[in-house]
């Protein structure tokens, strides 16, 4: 009974401490989705208007040629924002994993030569 109670308390403490990190992860993932969709739509819309203008379906001096160029220009910063969000999602995911490992007693110190030294000592 006592072990189950301690386990439940420990689980709730872990949930509380990683809750803000998970909110950050959701925020950056939402930003990624929104900026990627908006950037892709703006780029494709601008390219479609440009192609229609080049093929002659829209007159080259028409009022739609300038918005087409603006849409293509807007798509670049939106796609750069999407790339930034990808980086932040990866960083938030790594932070959540690290915090989980720390709370469960796993060591986050990585020594690439530790295994080699243990093999040499045991040989």
PDB file of N, CA and C in Angstrom:
ATOM      1  N   UNK A   1       0.822  -1.197   0.000  1.00  0.00           N
ATOM      2  CA  UNK A   1       0.000   0.000   0.000  1.00  0.00           C
ATOM      3  C   UNK A   1       0.863   1.257   0.000  1.00  0.00           C
ATOM      4  N   UNK A   2       1.867   1.282   0.876  1.00  0.00           N
ATOM      5  CA  UNK A   2       2.736   2.457   0.967  1.00  0.00           C
ATOM      6  C   UNK A   2       3.544   2.640  -0.316  1.00  0.00           C
ATOM      7  N   UNK A   3       4.035   1.526  -0.868  1.00  0.00           N
ATOM      8  CA  UNK A   3       4.815   1.603  -2.104  1.00  0.00           C
ATOM      9  C   UNK A   3       3.959   2.143  -3.250  1.00  0.00           C
ATOM     10  N   UNK A   4       2.698   1.714  -3.293  1.00  0.00           N
ATOM     11  CA  UNK A   4       1.803   2.197  -4.342  1.00  0.00           C
ATOM     12  C   UNK A   4       1.537   3.691  -4.188  1.00  0.00           C
ATOM     13  N   UNK A   5       1.400   4.146  -2.932  1.00  0.00           N
ATOM     14  CA  UNK A   5       1.167   5.562  -2.679  1.00  0.00           C
ATOM     15  C   UNK A   5       2.380   6.398  -3.068  1.00  0.00           C
ATOM     16  N   UNK A   6       3.580   5.932  -2.721  1.00  0.00           N
ATOM     17  CA  UNK A   6       4.809   6.647  -3.086  1.00  0.00           C
ATOM     18  C   UNK A   6       4.963   6.674  -4.603  1.00  0.00           C
ATOM     19  N   UNK A   7       4.655   5.571  -5.258  1.00  0.00           N
ATOM     20  CA  UNK A   7       4.747   5.516  -6.713  1.00  0.00           C
ATOM     21  C   UNK A   7       3.779   6.503  -7.368  1.00  0.00           C
ATOM     22  N   UNK A   8       2.567   6.605  -6.821  1.00  0.00           N
ATOM     23  CA  UNK A   8       1.575   7.537  -7.369  1.00  0.00           C
ATOM     24  C   UNK A   8       2.009   8.981  -7.156  1.00  0.00           C
ATOM     25  N   UNK A   9       2.542   9.290  -5.993  1.00  0.00           N
ATOM     26  CA  UNK A   9       3.037  10.652  -5.721  1.00  0.00           C
ATOM     27  C   UNK A   9       4.190  10.983  -6.651  1.00  0.00           C
ATOM     28  N   UNK A  10       5.105  10.041  -6.837  1.00  0.00           N
ATOM     29  CA  UNK A  10       6.252  10.260  -7.723  1.00  0.00           C
ATOM     30  C   UNK A  10       5.783  10.503  -9.154  1.00  0.00           C
ATOM     31  N   UNK A  11       4.778   9.746  -9.605  1.00  0.00           N
ATOM     32  CA  UNK A  11       4.265   9.925 -10.964  1.00  0.00           C
ATOM     33  C   UNK A  11       3.654  11.309 -11.137  1.00  0.00           C
ATOM     34  N   UNK A  12       2.938  11.780 -10.120  1.00  0.00           N
ATOM     35  CA  UNK A  12       2.320  13.106 -10.208  1.00  0.00           C
ATOM     36  C   UNK A  12       3.357  14.208 -10.200  1.00  0.00           C
ATOM     37  N   UNK A  13       4.430  14.049  -9.443  1.00  0.00           N
ATOM     38  CA  UNK A  13       5.509  15.048  -9.435  1.00  0.00           C
ATOM     39  C   UNK A  13       6.156  15.118 -10.809  1.00  0.00           C
ATOM     40  N   UNK A  14       6.389  13.968 -11.428  1.00  0.00           N
ATOM     41  CA  UNK A  14       6.976  13.937 -12.771  1.00  0.00           C
ATOM     42  C   UNK A  14       6.042  14.607 -13.761  1.00  0.00           C
ATOM     43  N   UNK A  15       4.744  14.328 -13.661  1.00  0.00           N
ATOM     44  CA  UNK A  15       3.775  14.938 -14.574  1.00  0.00           C
ATOM     45  C   UNK A  15       3.746  16.455 -14.427  1.00  0.00           C
ATOM     46  N   UNK A  16       3.818  16.953 -13.196  1.00  0.00           N
ATOM     47  CA  UNK A  16       3.780  18.403 -12.963  1.00  0.00           C
ATOM     48  C   UNK A  16       5.025  19.074 -13.524  1.00  0.00           C
ATOM     49  N   UNK A  17       6.202  18.464 -13.321  1.00  0.00           N
ATOM     50  CA  UNK A  17       7.434  19.124 -13.757  1.00  0.00           C
ATOM     51  C   UNK A  17       7.602  19.104 -15.267  1.00  0.00           C
ATOM     52  N   UNK A  18       7.075  18.106 -15.943  1.00  0.00           N
ATOM     53  CA  UNK A  18       7.218  18.067 -17.403  1.00  0.00           C
ATOM     54  C   UNK A  18       6.035  18.711 -18.115  1.00  0.00           C
ATOM     55  N   UNK A  19       5.019  19.137 -17.363  1.00  0.00           N
ATOM     56  CA  UNK A  19       3.829  19.719 -17.981  1.00  0.00           C
ATOM     57  C   UNK A  19       4.165  20.993 -18.764  1.00  0.00           C
ATOM     58  N   UNK A  20       4.987  21.870 -18.189  1.00  0.00           N
ATOM     59  CA  UNK A  20       5.329  23.108 -18.903  1.00  0.00           C
ATOM     60  C   UNK A  20       6.169  22.821 -20.137  1.00  0.00           C
ATOM     61  N   UNK A  21       7.027  21.804 -20.064  1.00  0.00           N
ATOM     62  CA  UNK A  21       7.820  21.434 -21.241  1.00  0.00           C
ATOM     63  C   UNK A  21       6.923  20.881 -22.340  1.00  0.00           C
ATOM     64  N   UNK A  22       5.922  20.106 -21.958  1.00  0.00           N
ATOM     65  CA  UNK A  22       5.006  19.551 -22.944  1.00  0.00           C
ATOM     66  C   UNK A  22       4.147  20.646 -23.573  1.00  0.00           C
ATOM     67  N   UNK A  23       3.810  21.662 -22.793  1.00  0.00           N
ATOM     68  CA  UNK A  23       3.074  22.791 -23.359  1.00  0.00           C
ATOM     69  C   UNK A  23       3.932  23.516 -24.389  1.00  0.00           C
ATOM     70  N   UNK A  24       5.217  23.689 -24.085  1.00  0.00           N
ATOM     71  CA  UNK A  24       6.131  24.311 -25.042  1.00  0.00           C
ATOM     72  C   UNK A  24       6.248  23.497 -26.316  1.00  0.00           C
ATOM     73  N   UNK A  25       6.314  22.181 -26.151  1.00  0.00           N
ATOM     74  CA  UNK A  25       6.388  21.299 -27.319  1.00  0.00           C
ATOM     75  C   UNK A  25       5.143  21.453 -28.182  1.00  0.00           C
ATOM     76  N   UNK A  26       3.971  21.471 -27.551  1.00  0.00           N
ATOM     77  CA  UNK A  26       2.722  21.639 -28.308  1.00  0.00           C
ATOM     78  C   UNK A  26       2.668  23.002 -28.996  1.00  0.00           C
ATOM     79  N   UNK A  27       3.163  24.039 -28.318  1.00  0.00           N
ATOM     80  CA  UNK A  27       3.166  25.380 -28.903  1.00  0.00           C
ATOM     81  C   UNK A  27       4.024  25.421 -30.163  1.00  0.00           C
ATOM     82  N   UNK A  28       5.245  24.878 -30.086  1.00  0.00           N
ATOM     83  CA  UNK A  28       6.127  24.904 -31.254  1.00  0.00           C
ATOM     84  C   UNK A  28       5.604  24.000 -32.362  1.00  0.00           C
ATOM     85  N   UNK A  29       4.986  22.878 -32.003  1.00  0.00           N
ATOM     86  CA  UNK A  29       4.413  21.997 -33.029  1.00  0.00           C
ATOM     87  C   UNK A  29       3.245  22.683 -33.739  1.00  0.00           C
ATOM     88  N   UNK A  30       2.447  23.431 -32.989  1.00  0.00           N
ATOM     89  CA  UNK A  30       1.342  24.191 -33.607  1.00  0.00           C
ATOM     90  C   UNK A  30       1.882  25.277 -34.525  1.00  0.00           C
ATOM     91  N   UNK A  31       2.934  25.953 -34.086  1.00  0.00           N
ATOM     92  CA  UNK A  31       3.564  26.973 -34.928  1.00  0.00           C
ATOM     93  C   UNK A  31       4.136  26.373 -36.197  1.00  0.00           C
ATOM     94  N   UNK A  32       4.724  25.179 -36.061  1.00  0.00           N
ATOM     95  CA  UNK A  32       5.263  24.480 -37.232  1.00  0.00           C
ATOM     96  C   UNK A  32       4.153  24.169 -38.225  1.00  0.00           C
ATOM     97  N   UNK A  33       3.062  23.627 -37.733  1.00  0.00           N
ATOM     98  CA  UNK A  33       1.951  23.271 -38.618  1.00  0.00           C
ATOM     99  C   UNK A  33       1.388  24.504 -39.318  1.00  0.00           C
ATOM    100  N   UNK A  34       1.148  25.555 -38.556  1.00  0.00           N
ATOM    101  CA  UNK A  34       0.550  26.761 -39.134  1.00  0.00           C
ATOM    102  C   UNK A  34       1.480  27.418 -40.154  1.00  0.00           C
ATOM    103  N   UNK A  35       2.763  27.574 -39.800  1.00  0.00           N
ATOM    104  CA  UNK A  35       3.672  28.266 -40.718  1.00  0.00           C
ATOM    105  C   UNK A  35       3.976  27.425 -41.950  1.00  0.00           C
ATOM    106  N   UNK A  36       4.037  26.118 -41.800  1.00  0.00           N
ATOM    107  CA  UNK A  36       4.297  25.270 -42.972  1.00  0.00           C
ATOM    108  C   UNK A  36       3.114  25.289 -43.935  1.00  0.00           C
ATOM    109  N   UNK A  37       1.907  25.207 -43.390  1.00  0.00           N
ATOM    110  CA  UNK A  37       0.719  25.242 -44.260  1.00  0.00           C
ATOM    111  C   UNK A  37       0.582  26.606 -44.919  1.00  0.00           C
ATOM    112  N   UNK A  38       0.748  27.681 -44.144  1.00  0.00           N
ATOM    113  CA  UNK A  38       0.613  29.027 -44.711  1.00  0.00           C
ATOM    114  C   UNK A  38       1.710  29.308 -45.741  1.00  0.00           C
ATOM    115  N   UNK A  39       2.937  28.911 -45.436  1.00  0.00           N
ATOM    116  CA  UNK A  39       4.035  29.125 -46.386  1.00  0.00           C
ATOM    117  C   UNK A  39       3.863  28.334 -47.661  1.00  0.00           C
ATOM    118  N   UNK A  40       3.436  27.086 -47.525  1.00  0.00           N
ATOM    119  CA  UNK A  40       3.206  26.262 -48.717  1.00  0.00           C
ATOM    120  C   UNK A  40       2.066  26.791 -49.557  1.00  0.00           C
ATOM    121  N   UNK A  41       0.978  27.186 -48.890  1.00  0.00           N
ATOM    122  CA  UNK A  41      -0.177  27.715 -49.631  1.00  0.00           C
ATOM    123  C   UNK A  41       0.166  29.027 -50.323  1.00  0.00           C
ATOM    124  N   UNK A  42       0.895  29.906 -49.624  1.00  0.00           N
ATOM    125  CA  UNK A  42       1.271  31.189 -50.231  1.00  0.00           C
ATOM    126  C   UNK A  42       2.195  30.969 -51.425  1.00  0.00           C
ATOM    127  N   UNK A  43       3.161  30.076 -51.270  1.00  0.00           N
ATOM    128  CA  UNK A  43       4.078  29.797 -52.373  1.00  0.00           C
ATOM    129  C   UNK A  43       3.378  29.192 -53.569  1.00  0.00           C
ATOM    130  N   UNK A  44       2.524  28.202 -53.320  1.00  0.00           N
ATOM    131  CA  UNK A  44       1.805  27.568 -54.430  1.00  0.00           C
ATOM    132  C   UNK A  44       0.813  28.525 -55.078  1.00  0.00           C
ATOM    133  N   UNK A  45       0.146  29.350 -54.256  1.00  0.00           N
ATOM    134  CA  UNK A  45      -0.778  30.338 -54.829  1.00  0.00           C
ATOM    135  C   UNK A  45      -0.048  31.354 -55.701  1.00  0.00           C
ATOM    136  N   UNK A  46       1.086  31.826 -55.221  1.00  0.00           N
ATOM    137  CA  UNK A  46       1.870  32.776 -56.012  1.00  0.00           C
ATOM    138  C   UNK A  46       2.407  32.165 -57.295  1.00  0.00           C
ATOM    139  N   UNK A  47       2.851  30.918 -57.202  1.00  0.00           N
ATOM    140  CA  UNK A  47       3.335  30.240 -58.409  1.00  0.00           C
ATOM    141  C   UNK A  47       2.208  29.983 -59.393  1.00  0.00           C
ATOM    142  N   UNK A  48       1.037  29.639 -58.883  1.00  0.00           N
ATOM    143  CA  UNK A  48      -0.110  29.406 -59.770  1.00  0.00           C
ATOM    144  C   UNK A  48      -0.489  30.690 -60.507  1.00  0.00           C
ATOM    145  N   UNK A  49      -0.501  31.809 -59.776  1.00  0.00           N
ATOM    146  CA  UNK A  49      -0.812  33.093 -60.431  1.00  0.00           C
ATOM    147  C   UNK A  49       0.258  33.431 -61.456  1.00  0.00           C
ATOM    148  N   UNK A  50       1.528  33.161 -61.121  1.00  0.00           N
ATOM    149  CA  UNK A  50       2.614  33.419 -62.069  1.00  0.00           C
ATOM    150  C   UNK A  50       2.509  32.572 -63.318  1.00  0.00           C
ATOM    151  N   UNK A  51       2.197  31.303 -63.134  1.00  0.00           N
ATOM    152  CA  UNK A  51       2.052  30.408 -64.290  1.00  0.00           C
ATOM    153  C   UNK A  51       0.870  30.835 -65.162  1.00  0.00           C
ATOM    154  N   UNK A  52      -0.242  31.208 -64.528  1.00  0.00           N
ATOM    155  CA  UNK A  52      -1.393  31.688 -65.293  1.00  0.00           C
ATOM    156  C   UNK A  52      -1.066  32.969 -66.050  1.00  0.00           C
ATOM    157  N   UNK A  53      -0.224  33.794 -65.452  1.00  0.00           N
ATOM    158  CA  UNK A  53       0.176  35.040 -66.113  1.00  0.00           C
ATOM    159  C   UNK A  53       1.101  34.755 -67.295  1.00  0.00           C
ATOM    160  N   UNK A  54       2.016  33.813 -67.123  1.00  0.00           N
ATOM    161  CA  UNK A  54       2.963  33.481 -68.196  1.00  0.00           C
ATOM    162  C   UNK A  54       2.252  32.802 -69.365  1.00  0.00           C
ATOM    163  N   UNK A  55       1.318  31.920 -69.067  1.00  0.00           N
ATOM    164  CA  UNK A  55       0.617  31.196 -70.137  1.00  0.00           C
ATOM    165  C   UNK A  55      -0.435  32.040 -70.846  1.00  0.00           C
ATOM    166  N   UNK A  56      -0.762  33.197 -70.304  1.00  0.00           N
ATOM    167  CA  UNK A  56      -1.679  34.085 -70.978  1.00  0.00           C
ATOM    168  C   UNK A  56      -3.108  34.026 -70.480  1.00  0.00           C
ATOM    169  N   UNK A  57      -3.387  33.201 -69.494  1.00  0.00           N
ATOM    170  CA  UNK A  57      -4.737  33.174 -68.938  1.00  0.00           C
ATOM    171  C   UNK A  57      -5.047  34.446 -68.170  1.00  0.00           C
ATOM    172  N   UNK A  58      -4.012  35.067 -67.625  1.00  0.00           N
ATOM    173  CA  UNK A  58      -4.145  36.364 -66.958  1.00  0.00           C
ATOM    174  C   UNK A  58      -3.258  37.327 -67.725  1.00  0.00           C
ATOM    175  N   UNK A  59      -3.758  38.491 -68.024  1.00  0.00           N
ATOM    176  CA  UNK A  59      -2.947  39.470 -68.744  1.00  0.00           C
ATOM    177  C   UNK A  59      -1.775  39.890 -67.863  1.00  0.00           C
ATOM    178  N   UNK A  60      -0.629  40.121 -68.492  1.00  0.00           N
ATOM    179  CA  UNK A  60       0.585  40.418 -67.721  1.00  0.00           C
ATOM    180  C   UNK A  60       0.465  41.713 -66.928  1.00  0.00           C
ATOM    181  N   UNK A  61      -0.336  42.632 -67.337  1.00  0.00           N
ATOM    182  CA  UNK A  61      -0.519  43.879 -66.602  1.00  0.00           C
ATOM    183  C   UNK A  61      -1.709  43.833 -65.668  1.00  0.00           C
ATOM    184  N   UNK A  62      -2.283  42.656 -65.478  1.00  0.00           N
ATOM    185  CA  UNK A  62      -3.495  42.529 -64.660  1.00  0.00           C
ATOM    186  C   UNK A  62      -3.201  42.782 -63.189  1.00  0.00           C
ATOM    187  N   UNK A  63      -4.267  42.974 -62.455  1.00  0.00           N
ATOM    188  CA  UNK A  63      -4.135  43.284 -61.035  1.00  0.00           C
ATOM    189  C   UNK A  63      -3.694  42.077 -60.213  1.00  0.00           C
ATOM    190  N   UNK A  64      -3.676  40.879 -60.776  1.00  0.00           N
ATOM    191  CA  UNK A  64      -3.284  39.691 -60.019  1.00  0.00           C
ATOM    192  C   UNK A  64      -1.804  39.382 -60.092  1.00  0.00           C
ATOM    193  N   UNK A  65      -1.054  40.021 -60.969  1.00  0.00           N
ATOM    194  CA  UNK A  65       0.368  39.684 -61.083  1.00  0.00           C
ATOM    195  C   UNK A  65       1.164  40.185 -59.876  1.00  0.00           C
ATOM    196  N   UNK A  66       0.834  41.353 -59.359  1.00  0.00           N
ATOM    197  CA  UNK A  66       1.543  41.863 -58.177  1.00  0.00           C
ATOM    198  C   UNK A  66       1.245  41.022 -56.936  1.00  0.00           C
ATOM    199  N   UNK A  67      -0.001  40.667 -56.654  1.00  0.00           N
ATOM    200  CA  UNK A  67      -0.242  39.791 -55.495  1.00  0.00           C
ATOM    201  C   UNK A  67       0.428  38.422 -55.626  1.00  0.00           C
ATOM    202  N   UNK A  68       0.586  37.944 -56.838  1.00  0.00           N
ATOM    203  CA  UNK A  68       1.293  36.675 -57.032  1.00  0.00           C
ATOM    204  C   UNK A  68       2.734  36.765 -56.586  1.00  0.00           C
ATOM    205  N   UNK A  69       3.386  37.871 -56.940  1.00  0.00           N
ATOM    206  CA  UNK A  69       4.772  38.076 -56.503  1.00  0.00           C
ATOM    207  C   UNK A  69       4.852  38.252 -54.996  1.00  0.00           C
ATOM    208  N   UNK A  70       3.885  38.947 -54.435  1.00  0.00           N
ATOM    209  CA  UNK A  70       3.864  39.153 -52.982  1.00  0.00           C
ATOM    210  C   UNK A  70       3.667  37.819 -52.265  1.00  0.00           C
ATOM    211  N   UNK A  71       2.806  36.963 -52.783  1.00  0.00           N
ATOM    212  CA  UNK A  71       2.585  35.654 -52.166  1.00  0.00           C
ATOM    213  C   UNK A  71       3.849  34.806 -52.174  1.00  0.00           C
ATOM    214  N   UNK A  72       4.561  34.826 -53.277  1.00  0.00           N
ATOM    215  CA  UNK A  72       5.817  34.070 -53.340  1.00  0.00           C
ATOM    216  C   UNK A  72       6.822  34.650 -52.347  1.00  0.00           C
ATOM    217  N   UNK A  73       6.887  35.967 -52.255  1.00  0.00           N
ATOM    218  CA  UNK A  73       7.822  36.602 -51.328  1.00  0.00           C
ATOM    219  C   UNK A  73       7.456  36.314 -49.871  1.00  0.00           C
ATOM    220  N   UNK A  74       6.182  36.249 -49.561  1.00  0.00           N
ATOM    221  CA  UNK A  74       5.730  35.967 -48.188  1.00  0.00           C
ATOM    222  C   UNK A  74       6.014  34.515 -47.811  1.00  0.00           C
ATOM    223  N   UNK A  75       6.023  33.631 -48.782  1.00  0.00           N
ATOM    224  CA  UNK A  75       6.212  32.213 -48.471  1.00  0.00           C
ATOM    225  C   UNK A  75       7.596  31.929 -47.895  1.00  0.00           C
ATOM    226  N   UNK A  76       8.623  32.682 -48.299  1.00  0.00           N
ATOM    227  CA  UNK A  76       9.975  32.414 -47.804  1.00  0.00           C
ATOM    228  C   UNK A  76      10.110  32.646 -46.298  1.00  0.00           C
ATOM    229  N   UNK A  77       9.687  33.793 -45.754  1.00  0.00           N
ATOM    230  CA  UNK A  77       9.787  33.938 -44.295  1.00  0.00           C
ATOM    231  C   UNK A  77       8.936  32.920 -43.528  1.00  0.00           C
ATOM    232  N   UNK A  78       7.795  32.547 -44.087  1.00  0.00           N
ATOM    233  CA  UNK A  78       6.969  31.552 -43.419  1.00  0.00           C
ATOM    234  C   UNK A  78       7.646  30.184 -43.388  1.00  0.00           C
ATOM    235  N   UNK A  79       8.307  29.820 -44.453  1.00  0.00           N
ATOM    236  CA  UNK A  79       9.015  28.547 -44.475  1.00  0.00           C
ATOM    237  C   UNK A  79      10.258  28.585 -43.585  1.00  0.00           C
ATOM    238  N   UNK A  80      10.892  29.750 -43.468  1.00  0.00           N
ATOM    239  CA  UNK A  80      12.013  29.894 -42.532  1.00  0.00           C
ATOM    240  C   UNK A  80      11.504  29.753 -41.097  1.00  0.00           C
ATOM    241  N   UNK A  81      10.350  30.321 -40.808  1.00  0.00           N
ATOM    242  CA  UNK A  81       9.739  30.161 -39.488  1.00  0.00           C
ATOM    243  C   UNK A  81       9.407  28.694 -39.215  1.00  0.00           C
ATOM    244  N   UNK A  82       8.940  27.972 -40.217  1.00  0.00           N
ATOM    245  CA  UNK A  82       8.654  26.548 -40.055  1.00  0.00           C
ATOM    246  C   UNK A  82       9.933  25.771 -39.733  1.00  0.00           C
ATOM    247  N   UNK A  83      11.036  26.116 -40.382  1.00  0.00           N
ATOM    248  CA  UNK A  83      12.313  25.459 -40.093  1.00  0.00           C
ATOM    249  C   UNK A  83      12.756  25.746 -38.662  1.00  0.00           C
ATOM    250  N   UNK A  84      12.559  26.970 -38.199  1.00  0.00           N
ATOM    251  CA  UNK A  84      12.902  27.323 -36.820  1.00  0.00           C
ATOM    252  C   UNK A  84      12.042  26.518 -35.844  1.00  0.00           C
ATOM    253  N   UNK A  85      10.772  26.370 -36.164  1.00  0.00           N
ATOM    254  CA  UNK A  85       9.869  25.598 -35.295  1.00  0.00           C
ATOM    255  C   UNK A  85      10.291  24.133 -35.235  1.00  0.00           C
ATOM    256  N   UNK A  86      10.777  23.589 -36.339  1.00  0.00           N
ATOM    257  CA  UNK A  86      11.272  22.209 -36.334  1.00  0.00           C
ATOM    258  C   UNK A  86      12.416  22.072 -35.341  1.00  0.00           C
ATOM    259  N   UNK A  87      13.345  23.024 -35.349  1.00  0.00           N
ATOM    260  CA  UNK A  87      14.468  22.992 -34.415  1.00  0.00           C
ATOM    261  C   UNK A  87      13.989  23.087 -32.975  1.00  0.00           C
ATOM    262  N   UNK A  88      13.029  23.960 -32.713  1.00  0.00           N
ATOM    263  CA  UNK A  88      12.527  24.133 -31.355  1.00  0.00           C
ATOM    264  C   UNK A  88      11.741  22.911 -30.880  1.00  0.00           C
ATOM    265  N   UNK A  89      11.020  22.255 -31.778  1.00  0.00           N
ATOM    266  CA  UNK A  89      10.304  21.024 -31.421  1.00  0.00           C
ATOM    267  C   UNK A  89      11.312  19.950 -31.013  1.00  0.00           C
ATOM    268  N   UNK A  90      12.390  19.828 -31.781  1.00  0.00           N
ATOM    269  CA  UNK A  90      13.416  18.832 -31.452  1.00  0.00           C
ATOM    270  C   UNK A  90      14.065  19.145 -30.104  1.00  0.00           C
ATOM    271  N   UNK A  91      14.349  20.427 -29.848  1.00  0.00           N
ATOM    272  CA  UNK A  91      14.960  20.808 -28.574  1.00  0.00           C
ATOM    273  C   UNK A  91      14.014  20.556 -27.404  1.00  0.00           C
ATOM    274  N   UNK A  92      12.732  20.852 -27.565  1.00  0.00           N
ATOM    275  CA  UNK A  92      11.758  20.614 -26.493  1.00  0.00           C
ATOM    276  C   UNK A  92      11.602  19.122 -26.231  1.00  0.00           C
ATOM    277  N   UNK A  93      11.589  18.325 -27.282  1.00  0.00           N
ATOM    278  CA  UNK A  93      11.486  16.880 -27.121  1.00  0.00           C
ATOM    279  C   UNK A  93      12.706  16.330 -26.388  1.00  0.00           C
ATOM    280  N   UNK A  94      13.880  16.830 -26.726  1.00  0.00           N
ATOM    281  CA  UNK A  94      15.103  16.396 -26.053  1.00  0.00           C
ATOM    282  C   UNK A  94      15.079  16.783 -24.578  1.00  0.00           C
ATOM    283  N   UNK A  95      14.587  17.987 -24.263  1.00  0.00           N
ATOM    284  CA  UNK A  95      14.513  18.435 -22.874  1.00  0.00           C
ATOM    285  C   UNK A  95      13.551  17.572 -22.070  1.00  0.00           C
ATOM    286  N   UNK A  96      12.428  17.192 -22.667  1.00  0.00           N
ATOM    287  CA  UNK A  96      11.463  16.322 -21.978  1.00  0.00           C
ATOM    288  C   UNK A  96      12.087  14.955 -21.713  1.00  0.00           C
ATOM    289  N   UNK A  97      12.778  14.414 -22.692  1.00  0.00           N
ATOM    290  CA  UNK A  97      13.424  13.113 -22.505  1.00  0.00           C
ATOM    291  C   UNK A  97      14.503  13.170 -21.433  1.00  0.00           C
ATOM    292  N   UNK A  98      15.301  14.243 -21.443  1.00  0.00           N
ATOM    293  CA  UNK A  98      16.352  14.396 -20.435  1.00  0.00           C
ATOM    294  C   UNK A  98      15.758  14.507 -19.035  1.00  0.00           C
ATOM    295  N   UNK A  99      14.701  15.277 -18.888  1.00  0.00           N
ATOM    296  CA  UNK A  99      14.066  15.436 -17.582  1.00  0.00           C
ATOM    297  C   UNK A  99      13.475  14.113 -17.107  1.00  0.00           C
ATOM    298  N   UNK A 100      12.898  13.367 -18.010  1.00  0.00           N
ATOM    299  CA  UNK A 100      12.364  12.051 -17.650  1.00  0.00           C
ATOM    300  C   UNK A 100      13.487  11.138 -17.157  1.00  0.00           C
ATOM    301  N   UNK A 101      14.616  11.147 -17.864  1.00  0.00           N
ATOM    302  CA  UNK A 101      15.752  10.310 -17.459  1.00  0.00           C
ATOM    303  C   UNK A 101      16.286  10.735 -16.095  1.00  0.00           C
ATOM    304  N   UNK A 102      16.386  12.028 -15.859  1.00  0.00           N
ATOM    305  CA  UNK A 102      16.875  12.514 -14.567  1.00  0.00           C
ATOM    306  C   UNK A 102      15.936  12.117 -13.438  1.00  0.00           C
ATOM    307  N   UNK A 103      14.648  12.222 -13.673  1.00  0.00           N
ATOM    308  CA  UNK A 103      13.685  11.909 -12.618  1.00  0.00           C
ATOM    309  C   UNK A 103      13.599  10.412 -12.335  1.00  0.00           C
ATOM    310  N   UNK A 104      14.012   9.607 -13.289  1.00  0.00           N
ATOM    311  CA  UNK A 104      13.982   8.161 -13.079  1.00  0.00           C
ATOM    312  C   UNK A 104      15.355   7.591 -12.743  1.00  0.00           C
ATOM    313  N   UNK A 105      16.282   8.458 -12.375  1.00  0.00           N
ATOM    314  CA  UNK A 105      17.581   8.002 -11.891  1.00  0.00           C
ATOM    315  C   UNK A 105      18.586   7.638 -12.953  1.00  0.00           C
ATOM    316  N   UNK A 106      18.333   7.978 -14.179  1.00  0.00           N
ATOM    317  CA  UNK A 106      19.298   7.682 -15.235  1.00  0.00           C
ATOM    318  C   UNK A 106      20.289   8.840 -15.338  1.00  0.00           C
ATOM    319  N   UNK A 107      21.519   8.507 -15.632  1.00  0.00           N
ATOM    320  CA  UNK A 107      22.575   9.509 -15.707  1.00  0.00           C
ATOM    321  C   UNK A 107      22.582  10.134 -17.094  1.00  0.00           C
ATOM    322  N   UNK A 108      22.665  11.454 -17.159  1.00  0.00           N
ATOM    323  CA  UNK A 108      22.695  12.124 -18.460  1.00  0.00           C
ATOM    324  C   UNK A 108      24.103  12.470 -18.903  1.00  0.00           C
ATOM    325  N   UNK A 109      25.113  12.080 -18.121  1.00  0.00           N
ATOM    326  CA  UNK A 109      26.499  12.293 -18.535  1.00  0.00           C
ATOM    327  C   UNK A 109      26.878  11.227 -19.543  1.00  0.00           C
ATOM    328  N   UNK A 110      27.330  11.652 -20.689  1.00  0.00           N
ATOM    329  CA  UNK A 110      27.688  10.711 -21.744  1.00  0.00           C
ATOM    330  C   UNK A 110      29.206  10.745 -21.914  1.00  0.00           C
ATOM    331  N   UNK A 111      29.829   9.614 -21.690  1.00  0.00           N
ATOM    332  CA  UNK A 111      31.271   9.484 -21.869  1.00  0.00           C
ATOM    333  C   UNK A 111      31.500   8.441 -22.952  1.00  0.00           C
ATOM    334  N   UNK A 112      31.913   8.858 -24.146  1.00  0.00           N
ATOM    335  CA  UNK A 112      32.038   7.894 -25.246  1.00  0.00           C
ATOM    336  C   UNK A 112      33.144   6.874 -25.019  1.00  0.00           C
ATOM    337  N   UNK A 113      34.105   7.159 -24.135  1.00  0.00           N
ATOM    338  CA  UNK A 113      35.225   6.250 -23.928  1.00  0.00           C
ATOM    339  C   UNK A 113      35.026   5.349 -22.717  1.00  0.00           C
ATOM    340  N   UNK A 114      33.901   5.478 -22.021  1.00  0.00           N
ATOM    341  CA  UNK A 114      33.648   4.681 -20.823  1.00  0.00           C
ATOM    342  C   UNK A 114      33.605   3.196 -21.146  1.00  0.00           C
ATOM    343  N   UNK A 115      32.927   2.825 -22.208  1.00  0.00           N
ATOM    344  CA  UNK A 115      32.804   1.422 -22.576  1.00  0.00           C
ATOM    345  C   UNK A 115      34.171   0.843 -22.933  1.00  0.00           C
ATOM    346  N   UNK A 116      34.995   1.613 -23.649  1.00  0.00           N
ATOM    347  CA  UNK A 116      36.324   1.140 -24.005  1.00  0.00           C
ATOM    348  C   UNK A 116      37.184   0.908 -22.755  1.00  0.00           C
ATOM    349  N   UNK A 117      37.083   1.820 -21.771  1.00  0.00           N
ATOM    350  CA  UNK A 117      37.858   1.669 -20.538  1.00  0.00           C
ATOM    351  C   UNK A 117      37.396   0.450 -19.753  1.00  0.00           C
ATOM    352  N   UNK A 118      36.089   0.202 -19.724  1.00  0.00           N
ATOM    353  CA  UNK A 118      35.581  -0.979 -19.016  1.00  0.00           C
ATOM    354  C   UNK A 118      36.043  -2.260 -19.674  1.00  0.00           C
ATOM    355  N   UNK A 119      36.107  -2.276 -20.999  1.00  0.00           N
ATOM    356  CA  UNK A 119      36.594  -3.463 -21.699  1.00  0.00           C
ATOM    357  C   UNK A 119      38.063  -3.692 -21.387  1.00  0.00           C
ATOM    358  N   UNK A 120      38.865  -2.616 -21.371  1.00  0.00           N
ATOM    359  CA  UNK A 120      40.288  -2.747 -21.062  1.00  0.00           C
ATOM    360  C   UNK A 120      40.506  -3.218 -19.637  1.00  0.00           C
ATOM    361  N   UNK A 121      39.701  -2.756 -18.693  1.00  0.00           N
ATOM    362  CA  UNK A 121      39.851  -3.159 -17.304  1.00  0.00           C
ATOM    363  C   UNK A 121      39.468  -4.628 -17.103  1.00  0.00           C
ATOM    364  N   UNK A 122      38.463  -5.083 -17.826  1.00  0.00           N
ATOM    365  CA  UNK A 122      38.013  -6.468 -17.681  1.00  0.00           C
ATOM    366  C   UNK A 122      38.867  -7.448 -18.457  1.00  0.00           C
ATOM    367  N   UNK A 123      39.703  -6.983 -19.365  1.00  0.00           N
ATOM    368  CA  UNK A 123      40.522  -7.889 -20.183  1.00  0.00           C
ATOM    369  C   UNK A 123      41.749  -8.361 -19.454  1.00  0.00           C
TER     370      UNK A 123
END
